[in-house]
Amino acid sequence: MTEEPRIDDLGFARVDLERAARTGDPEVVYGAGKTPEQVVAILRSLQAKHPDRAVLATRLSDEAQAAVVELGADLDPVARAATLGPLPEPRGTVTIVSAGTSDAPVAAEAALTARVHGAGVHEIRDVGVAGLHRLLAVRDDLEQADCLIVVAGMEGALPSVVGGLTGVPMVAVPTSIGYGASFGGLAALLAMLNSCAPGVTVVNIDNGYGAGVFAARVARRMHR
């Protein structure tokens, strides 16, 4: 009996065909630095291995976005990401809370990632700390989630406030939005790492993808 291949060697990439069996989720294409042709080839390889579920490509250039649309992928232009294949049936709920409209690309990447990784998604937009009444008005929504993703730039205060309002598992995402002294998201990252609110877990600057995977896995486990 012939063993199924563990990788698909495309020459420029060795696609991991066993990742879903090991972790529950297939490999994802990080599009930055890849040509449109390379992105398409990897997506095709992954979709052939996982025809029953969506595979994801993130951080796509304008040219790569056009190429994956021609392939038949569904494009999220705000997230600069695309999926090929059917999304899985959602289990659990990830609620994504973003501070402002400028944080939308990172929040959109987190939302699409969570959906691809099997969670239902609810989005709460533009509830930054400059107007706390906006956040307090949706406090009940926070409690309904299995996991929260809180996205903020500038001084990165929103996760600390959310962490003081609810005990729902949470991952904070600093964004590179802000004026000069925000240092491309470093100020928000350090504020979140130094949060006095308990239970604030932090991913890297603009890493909506990493937050989406974490939150979806929490939500799925809650509803096995």
C-alpha atoms as a PDB file:
ATOM      1  CA  MET A   1       0.000   0.000   0.000  1.00  0.00           C
ATOM      2  CA  THR A   2       1.443   3.358  -1.053  1.00  0.00           C
ATOM      3  CA  GLU A   3       1.768   6.038   1.616  1.00  0.00           C
ATOM      4  CA  GLU A   4       0.195   9.390   0.878  1.00  0.00           C
ATOM      5  CA  PRO A   5       2.820  12.128   0.433  1.00  0.00           C
ATOM      6  CA  ARG A   6       3.497  14.314   3.457  1.00  0.00           C
ATOM      7  CA  ILE A   7       4.576  17.293   1.379  1.00  0.00           C
ATOM      8  CA  ASP A   8       3.989  18.644  -2.102  1.00  0.00           C
ATOM      9  CA  ASP A   9       7.364  19.863  -3.394  1.00  0.00           C
ATOM     10  CA  LEU A  10       6.644  22.709  -5.805  1.00  0.00           C
ATOM     11  CA  GLY A  11      10.296  23.655  -6.158  1.00  0.00           C
ATOM     12  CA  PHE A  12       9.890  27.073  -4.561  1.00  0.00           C
ATOM     13  CA  ALA A  13       7.824  25.699  -1.637  1.00  0.00           C
ATOM     14  CA  ARG A  14       7.382  22.422   0.220  1.00  0.00           C
ATOM     15  CA  VAL A  15       3.680  22.447   1.040  1.00  0.00           C
ATOM     16  CA  ASP A  16       2.819  20.734   4.337  1.00  0.00           C
ATOM     17  CA  LEU A  17      -0.010  18.315   3.513  1.00  0.00           C
ATOM     18  CA  GLU A  18      -0.198  16.795   7.016  1.00  0.00           C
ATOM     19  CA  ARG A  19      -0.744  19.942   9.051  1.00  0.00           C
ATOM     20  CA  ALA A  20      -4.506  19.484   9.296  1.00  0.00           C
ATOM     21  CA  ALA A  21      -4.020  15.957  10.627  1.00  0.00           C
ATOM     22  CA  ARG A  22      -1.558  17.224  13.262  1.00  0.00           C
ATOM     23  CA  THR A  23      -3.241  20.458  14.342  1.00  0.00           C
ATOM     24  CA  GLY A  24      -6.790  20.383  12.997  1.00  0.00           C
ATOM     25  CA  ASP A  25      -6.103  23.163  10.481  1.00  0.00           C
ATOM     26  CA  PRO A  26      -4.428  23.079   7.041  1.00  0.00           C
ATOM     27  CA  GLU A  27      -1.433  25.208   6.102  1.00  0.00           C
ATOM     28  CA  VAL A  28      -2.143  28.856   5.273  1.00  0.00           C
ATOM     29  CA  VAL A  29      -0.459  30.800   2.461  1.00  0.00           C
ATOM     30  CA  TYR A  30       1.378  33.914   3.664  1.00  0.00           C
ATOM     31  CA  GLY A  31       1.269  35.924   0.463  1.00  0.00           C
ATOM     32  CA  ALA A  32       3.788  38.682   1.239  1.00  0.00           C
ATOM     33  CA  GLY A  33       6.909  38.282  -0.892  1.00  0.00           C
ATOM     34  CA  LYS A  34       5.363  35.608  -3.095  1.00  0.00           C
ATOM     35  CA  THR A  35       4.540  36.085  -6.773  1.00  0.00           C
ATOM     36  CA  PRO A  36       0.918  35.713  -7.865  1.00  0.00           C
ATOM     37  CA  GLU A  37       1.857  32.474  -9.607  1.00  0.00           C
ATOM     38  CA  GLN A  38       3.385  31.066  -6.431  1.00  0.00           C
ATOM     39  CA  VAL A  39       0.320  31.976  -4.361  1.00  0.00           C
ATOM     40  CA  VAL A  40      -1.987  30.313  -6.893  1.00  0.00           C
ATOM     41  CA  ALA A  41       0.148  27.165  -7.070  1.00  0.00           C
ATOM     42  CA  ILE A  42       0.201  26.717  -3.278  1.00  0.00           C
ATOM     43  CA  LEU A  43      -3.540  27.365  -2.982  1.00  0.00           C
ATOM     44  CA  ARG A  44      -4.209  24.767  -5.670  1.00  0.00           C
ATOM     45  CA  SER A  45      -2.036  22.223  -3.865  1.00  0.00           C
ATOM     46  CA  LEU A  46      -3.754  22.801  -0.525  1.00  0.00           C
ATOM     47  CA  GLN A  47      -7.242  22.792  -2.012  1.00  0.00           C
ATOM     48  CA  ALA A  48      -6.561  19.502  -3.800  1.00  0.00           C
ATOM     49  CA  LYS A  49      -5.623  17.979  -0.421  1.00  0.00           C
ATOM     50  CA  HIS A  50      -8.543  19.586   1.445  1.00  0.00           C
ATOM     51  CA  PRO A  51     -11.388  19.863  -1.096  1.00  0.00           C
ATOM     52  CA  ASP A  52     -14.039  19.826   1.619  1.00  0.00           C
ATOM     53  CA  ARG A  53     -12.911  22.985   3.417  1.00  0.00           C
ATOM     54  CA  ALA A  54     -11.577  26.450   2.706  1.00  0.00           C
ATOM     55  CA  VAL A  55      -7.878  27.189   2.513  1.00  0.00           C
ATOM     56  CA  LEU A  56      -6.626  30.695   3.233  1.00  0.00           C
ATOM     57  CA  ALA A  57      -4.116  33.094   1.680  1.00  0.00           C
ATOM     58  CA  THR A  58      -3.210  36.297   3.557  1.00  0.00           C
ATOM     59  CA  ARG A  59      -1.310  39.536   2.904  1.00  0.00           C
ATOM     60  CA  LEU A  60      -1.919  39.452  -0.829  1.00  0.00           C
ATOM     61  CA  SER A  61      -0.552  42.055  -3.220  1.00  0.00           C
ATOM     62  CA  ASP A  62      -2.918  43.700  -5.706  1.00  0.00           C
ATOM     63  CA  GLU A  63      -1.600  41.388  -8.423  1.00  0.00           C
ATOM     64  CA  ALA A  64      -2.034  38.284  -6.256  1.00  0.00           C
ATOM     65  CA  GLN A  65      -5.584  39.336  -5.392  1.00  0.00           C
ATOM     66  CA  ALA A  66      -6.445  39.490  -9.092  1.00  0.00           C
ATOM     67  CA  ALA A  67      -4.824  36.083  -9.677  1.00  0.00           C
ATOM     68  CA  VAL A  68      -6.706  34.277  -6.905  1.00  0.00           C
ATOM     69  CA  VAL A  69     -10.023  35.746  -8.069  1.00  0.00           C
ATOM     70  CA  GLU A  70      -9.322  34.241 -11.502  1.00  0.00           C
ATOM     71  CA  LEU A  71      -8.685  30.935  -9.733  1.00  0.00           C
ATOM     72  CA  GLY A  72     -12.176  31.122  -8.233  1.00  0.00           C
ATOM     73  CA  ALA A  73     -11.252  32.204  -4.709  1.00  0.00           C
ATOM     74  CA  ASP A  74     -13.425  34.484  -2.580  1.00  0.00           C
ATOM     75  CA  LEU A  75     -11.596  37.753  -1.921  1.00  0.00           C
ATOM     76  CA  ASP A  76     -11.854  39.980   1.160  1.00  0.00           C
ATOM     77  CA  PRO A  77     -10.297  43.221  -0.128  1.00  0.00           C
ATOM     78  CA  VAL A  78     -10.227  44.877   3.307  1.00  0.00           C
ATOM     79  CA  ALA A  79      -8.319  41.958   4.845  1.00  0.00           C
ATOM     80  CA  ARG A  80      -6.236  41.574   1.642  1.00  0.00           C
ATOM     81  CA  ALA A  81      -6.897  37.851   1.997  1.00  0.00           C
ATOM     82  CA  ALA A  82      -8.780  35.156   0.103  1.00  0.00           C
ATOM     83  CA  THR A  83     -10.305  31.734   0.663  1.00  0.00           C
ATOM     84  CA  LEU A  84     -10.633  28.839  -1.766  1.00  0.00           C
ATOM     85  CA  GLY A  85     -13.263  26.222  -0.972  1.00  0.00           C
ATOM     86  CA  PRO A  86     -16.249  26.081   1.399  1.00  0.00           C
ATOM     87  CA  LEU A  87     -16.039  27.555   4.884  1.00  0.00           C
ATOM     88  CA  PRO A  88     -16.522  24.990   7.677  1.00  0.00           C
ATOM     89  CA  GLU A  89     -19.679  24.835   9.749  1.00  0.00           C
ATOM     90  CA  PRO A  90     -19.095  27.343  12.575  1.00  0.00           C
ATOM     91  CA  ARG A  91     -18.697  26.172  16.157  1.00  0.00           C
ATOM     92  CA  GLY A  92     -18.756  28.737  18.918  1.00  0.00           C
ATOM     93  CA  THR A  93     -18.466  32.501  18.592  1.00  0.00           C
ATOM     94  CA  VAL A  94     -15.461  34.789  18.293  1.00  0.00           C
ATOM     95  CA  THR A  95     -16.307  38.450  18.856  1.00  0.00           C
ATOM     96  CA  ILE A  96     -13.917  40.955  17.311  1.00  0.00           C
ATOM     97  CA  VAL A  97     -13.821  44.352  18.980  1.00  0.00           C
ATOM     98  CA  SER A  98     -11.970  47.094  17.110  1.00  0.00           C
ATOM     99  CA  ALA A  99     -11.106  50.540  18.378  1.00  0.00           C
ATOM    100  CA  GLY A 100     -11.490  52.540  15.175  1.00  0.00           C
ATOM    101  CA  THR A 101     -12.117  52.409  11.444  1.00  0.00           C
ATOM    102  CA  SER A 102      -8.381  52.648  10.768  1.00  0.00           C
ATOM    103  CA  ASP A 103      -7.950  49.255  12.448  1.00  0.00           C
ATOM    104  CA  ALA A 104     -10.331  47.622   9.932  1.00  0.00           C
ATOM    105  CA  PRO A 105      -7.731  45.745   7.822  1.00  0.00           C
ATOM    106  CA  VAL A 106      -6.304  43.921  10.852  1.00  0.00           C
ATOM    107  CA  ALA A 107      -9.764  43.245  12.295  1.00  0.00           C
ATOM    108  CA  ALA A 108     -10.917  41.909   8.906  1.00  0.00           C
ATOM    109  CA  GLU A 109      -7.921  39.571   8.700  1.00  0.00           C
ATOM    110  CA  ALA A 110      -8.749  38.261  12.179  1.00  0.00           C
ATOM    111  CA  ALA A 111     -12.420  37.792  11.279  1.00  0.00           C
ATOM    112  CA  LEU A 112     -11.750  35.895   8.054  1.00  0.00           C
ATOM    113  CA  THR A 113      -9.126  33.731   9.752  1.00  0.00           C
ATOM    114  CA  ALA A 114     -11.496  32.806  12.569  1.00  0.00           C
ATOM    115  CA  ARG A 115     -14.180  31.818  10.041  1.00  0.00           C
ATOM    116  CA  VAL A 116     -11.752  29.702   8.005  1.00  0.00           C
ATOM    117  CA  HIS A 117     -10.652  27.985  11.234  1.00  0.00           C
ATOM    118  CA  GLY A 118     -14.200  26.999  12.095  1.00  0.00           C
ATOM    119  CA  ALA A 119     -15.685  29.642  14.388  1.00  0.00           C
ATOM    120  CA  GLY A 120     -18.674  31.909  14.018  1.00  0.00           C
ATOM    121  CA  VAL A 121     -17.762  35.598  14.064  1.00  0.00           C
ATOM    122  CA  HIS A 122     -19.472  38.676  15.488  1.00  0.00           C
ATOM    123  CA  GLU A 123     -17.881  42.086  14.890  1.00  0.00           C
ATOM    124  CA  ILE A 124     -18.126  45.215  17.043  1.00  0.00           C
ATOM    125  CA  ARG A 125     -16.512  48.209  15.357  1.00  0.00           C
ATOM    126  CA  ASP A 126     -15.391  51.693  16.406  1.00  0.00           C
ATOM    127  CA  VAL A 127     -15.644  51.426  20.199  1.00  0.00           C
ATOM    128  CA  GLY A 128     -12.284  52.944  21.152  1.00  0.00           C
ATOM    129  CA  VAL A 129     -11.558  54.522  24.521  1.00  0.00           C
ATOM    130  CA  ALA A 130     -12.019  58.073  23.212  1.00  0.00           C
ATOM    131  CA  GLY A 131     -15.755  57.406  23.650  1.00  0.00           C
ATOM    132  CA  LEU A 132     -16.197  54.822  26.400  1.00  0.00           C
ATOM    133  CA  HIS A 133     -19.989  55.078  26.221  1.00  0.00           C
ATOM    134  CA  ARG A 134     -19.784  53.247  22.866  1.00  0.00           C
ATOM    135  CA  LEU A 135     -18.080  50.266  24.489  1.00  0.00           C
ATOM    136  CA  LEU A 136     -20.347  50.220  27.532  1.00  0.00           C
ATOM    137  CA  ALA A 137     -23.360  50.135  25.219  1.00  0.00           C
ATOM    138  CA  VAL A 138     -22.232  46.759  23.831  1.00  0.00           C
ATOM    139  CA  ARG A 139     -21.036  45.236  27.097  1.00  0.00           C
ATOM    140  CA  ASP A 140     -23.672  42.491  26.985  1.00  0.00           C
ATOM    141  CA  ASP A 141     -22.398  41.425  23.558  1.00  0.00           C
ATOM    142  CA  LEU A 142     -18.937  40.807  25.012  1.00  0.00           C
ATOM    143  CA  GLU A 143     -20.339  38.273  27.471  1.00  0.00           C
ATOM    144  CA  GLN A 144     -21.941  36.217  24.683  1.00  0.00           C
ATOM    145  CA  ALA A 145     -18.585  35.345  23.059  1.00  0.00           C
ATOM    146  CA  ASP A 146     -16.506  32.226  23.615  1.00  0.00           C
ATOM    147  CA  CYS A 147     -13.376  34.280  22.873  1.00  0.00           C
ATOM    148  CA  LEU A 148     -12.699  37.957  22.216  1.00  0.00           C
ATOM    149  CA  ILE A 149     -10.221  39.551  19.825  1.00  0.00           C
ATOM    150  CA  VAL A 150      -9.565  43.189  20.736  1.00  0.00           C
ATOM    151  CA  VAL A 151      -7.846  45.255  18.033  1.00  0.00           C
ATOM    152  CA  ALA A 152      -6.405  48.710  18.736  1.00  0.00           C
ATOM    153  CA  GLY A 153      -3.648  51.078  17.683  1.00  0.00           C
ATOM    154  CA  MET A 154      -2.611  54.476  19.062  1.00  0.00           C
ATOM    155  CA  GLU A 155      -1.962  53.936  22.809  1.00  0.00           C
ATOM    156  CA  GLY A 156      -3.496  50.440  22.774  1.00  0.00           C
ATOM    157  CA  ALA A 157      -5.712  50.978  25.830  1.00  0.00           C
ATOM    158  CA  LEU A 158      -8.838  49.171  24.634  1.00  0.00           C
ATOM    159  CA  PRO A 159      -7.852  45.601  25.688  1.00  0.00           C
ATOM    160  CA  SER A 160      -7.191  46.753  29.265  1.00  0.00           C
ATOM    161  CA  VAL A 161     -10.641  48.323  29.451  1.00  0.00           C
ATOM    162  CA  VAL A 162     -12.322  45.245  27.964  1.00  0.00           C
ATOM    163  CA  GLY A 163     -10.319  43.033  30.313  1.00  0.00           C
ATOM    164  CA  GLY A 164     -11.714  44.980  33.237  1.00  0.00           C
ATOM    165  CA  LEU A 165     -15.299  44.536  32.035  1.00  0.00           C
ATOM    166  CA  THR A 166     -15.407  40.807  31.283  1.00  0.00           C
ATOM    167  CA  GLY A 167     -13.709  37.526  32.063  1.00  0.00           C
ATOM    168  CA  VAL A 168     -14.207  36.075  28.573  1.00  0.00           C
ATOM    169  CA  PRO A 169     -10.910  34.674  27.162  1.00  0.00           C
ATOM    170  CA  MET A 170      -9.277  37.438  25.130  1.00  0.00           C
ATOM    171  CA  VAL A 171      -6.417  38.025  22.727  1.00  0.00           C
ATOM    172  CA  ALA A 172      -5.256  41.582  22.036  1.00  0.00           C
ATOM    173  CA  VAL A 173      -3.900  42.753  18.686  1.00  0.00           C
ATOM    174  CA  PRO A 174      -1.831  45.962  18.528  1.00  0.00           C
ATOM    175  CA  THR A 175      -2.005  47.718  15.167  1.00  0.00           C
ATOM    176  CA  SER A 176       0.527  49.992  13.502  1.00  0.00           C
ATOM    177  CA  ILE A 177      -2.024  52.840  13.419  1.00  0.00           C
ATOM    178  CA  GLY A 178      -1.056  56.045  15.195  1.00  0.00           C
ATOM    179  CA  TYR A 179       1.027  59.191  15.130  1.00  0.00           C
ATOM    180  CA  GLY A 180       4.829  59.282  15.295  1.00  0.00           C
ATOM    181  CA  ALA A 181       5.363  58.352  18.937  1.00  0.00           C
ATOM    182  CA  SER A 182       3.292  55.211  18.470  1.00  0.00           C
ATOM    183  CA  PHE A 183       6.385  53.882  16.661  1.00  0.00           C
ATOM    184  CA  GLY A 184       4.445  51.790  14.171  1.00  0.00           C
ATOM    185  CA  GLY A 185       2.459  49.949  16.839  1.00  0.00           C
ATOM    186  CA  LEU A 186       5.238  49.479  19.394  1.00  0.00           C
ATOM    187  CA  ALA A 187       3.503  51.774  21.899  1.00  0.00           C
ATOM    188  CA  ALA A 188       0.276  49.762  21.613  1.00  0.00           C
ATOM    189  CA  LEU A 189       2.169  46.463  21.873  1.00  0.00           C
ATOM    190  CA  LEU A 190       3.962  47.512  25.061  1.00  0.00           C
ATOM    191  CA  ALA A 191       0.756  48.915  26.579  1.00  0.00           C
ATOM    192  CA  MET A 192      -1.025  45.615  25.985  1.00  0.00           C
ATOM    193  CA  LEU A 193       1.882  43.564  27.328  1.00  0.00           C
ATOM    194  CA  ASN A 194       1.910  45.761  30.442  1.00  0.00           C
ATOM    195  CA  SER A 195      -1.853  45.692  30.959  1.00  0.00           C
ATOM    196  CA  CYS A 196      -2.950  45.558  34.591  1.00  0.00           C
ATOM    197  CA  ALA A 197      -6.156  43.754  33.546  1.00  0.00           C
ATOM    198  CA  PRO A 198      -5.796  40.008  34.084  1.00  0.00           C
ATOM    199  CA  GLY A 199      -6.024  37.538  31.232  1.00  0.00           C
ATOM    200  CA  VAL A 200      -4.886  39.819  28.389  1.00  0.00           C
ATOM    201  CA  THR A 201      -2.972  37.650  25.910  1.00  0.00           C
ATOM    202  CA  VAL A 202      -1.132  39.575  23.177  1.00  0.00           C
ATOM    203  CA  VAL A 203      -0.016  38.751  19.632  1.00  0.00           C
ATOM    204  CA  ASN A 204       2.425  40.699  17.492  1.00  0.00           C
ATOM    205  CA  ILE A 205       1.756  44.020  15.757  1.00  0.00           C
ATOM    206  CA  ASP A 206      -0.915  43.727  13.021  1.00  0.00           C
ATOM    207  CA  ASN A 207      -1.119  39.944  13.519  1.00  0.00           C
ATOM    208  CA  GLY A 208      -4.833  39.492  12.934  1.00  0.00           C
ATOM    209  CA  TYR A 209      -4.118  36.053  11.511  1.00  0.00           C
ATOM    210  CA  GLY A 210      -2.471  34.764  14.705  1.00  0.00           C
ATOM    211  CA  ALA A 211      -5.277  36.149  16.843  1.00  0.00           C
ATOM    212  CA  GLY A 212      -7.907  34.587  14.590  1.00  0.00           C
ATOM    213  CA  VAL A 213      -6.374  31.117  14.827  1.00  0.00           C
ATOM    214  CA  PHE A 214      -6.079  31.304  18.617  1.00  0.00           C
ATOM    215  CA  ALA A 215      -9.612  32.573  19.135  1.00  0.00           C
ATOM    216  CA  ALA A 216     -11.168  30.041  16.749  1.00  0.00           C
ATOM    217  CA  ARG A 217      -9.451  27.167  18.530  1.00  0.00           C
ATOM    218  CA  VAL A 218     -10.783  28.397  21.881  1.00  0.00           C
ATOM    219  CA  ALA A 219     -14.307  28.704  20.464  1.00  0.00           C
ATOM    220  CA  ARG A 220     -14.177  25.271  18.817  1.00  0.00           C
ATOM    221  CA  ARG A 221     -13.025  23.616  22.016  1.00  0.00           C
ATOM    222  CA  MET A 222     -15.912  25.198  23.883  1.00  0.00           C
ATOM    223  CA  HIS A 223     -18.346  23.494  21.479  1.00  0.00           C
ATOM    224  CA  ARG A 224     -16.836  20.095  20.728  1.00  0.00           C
END
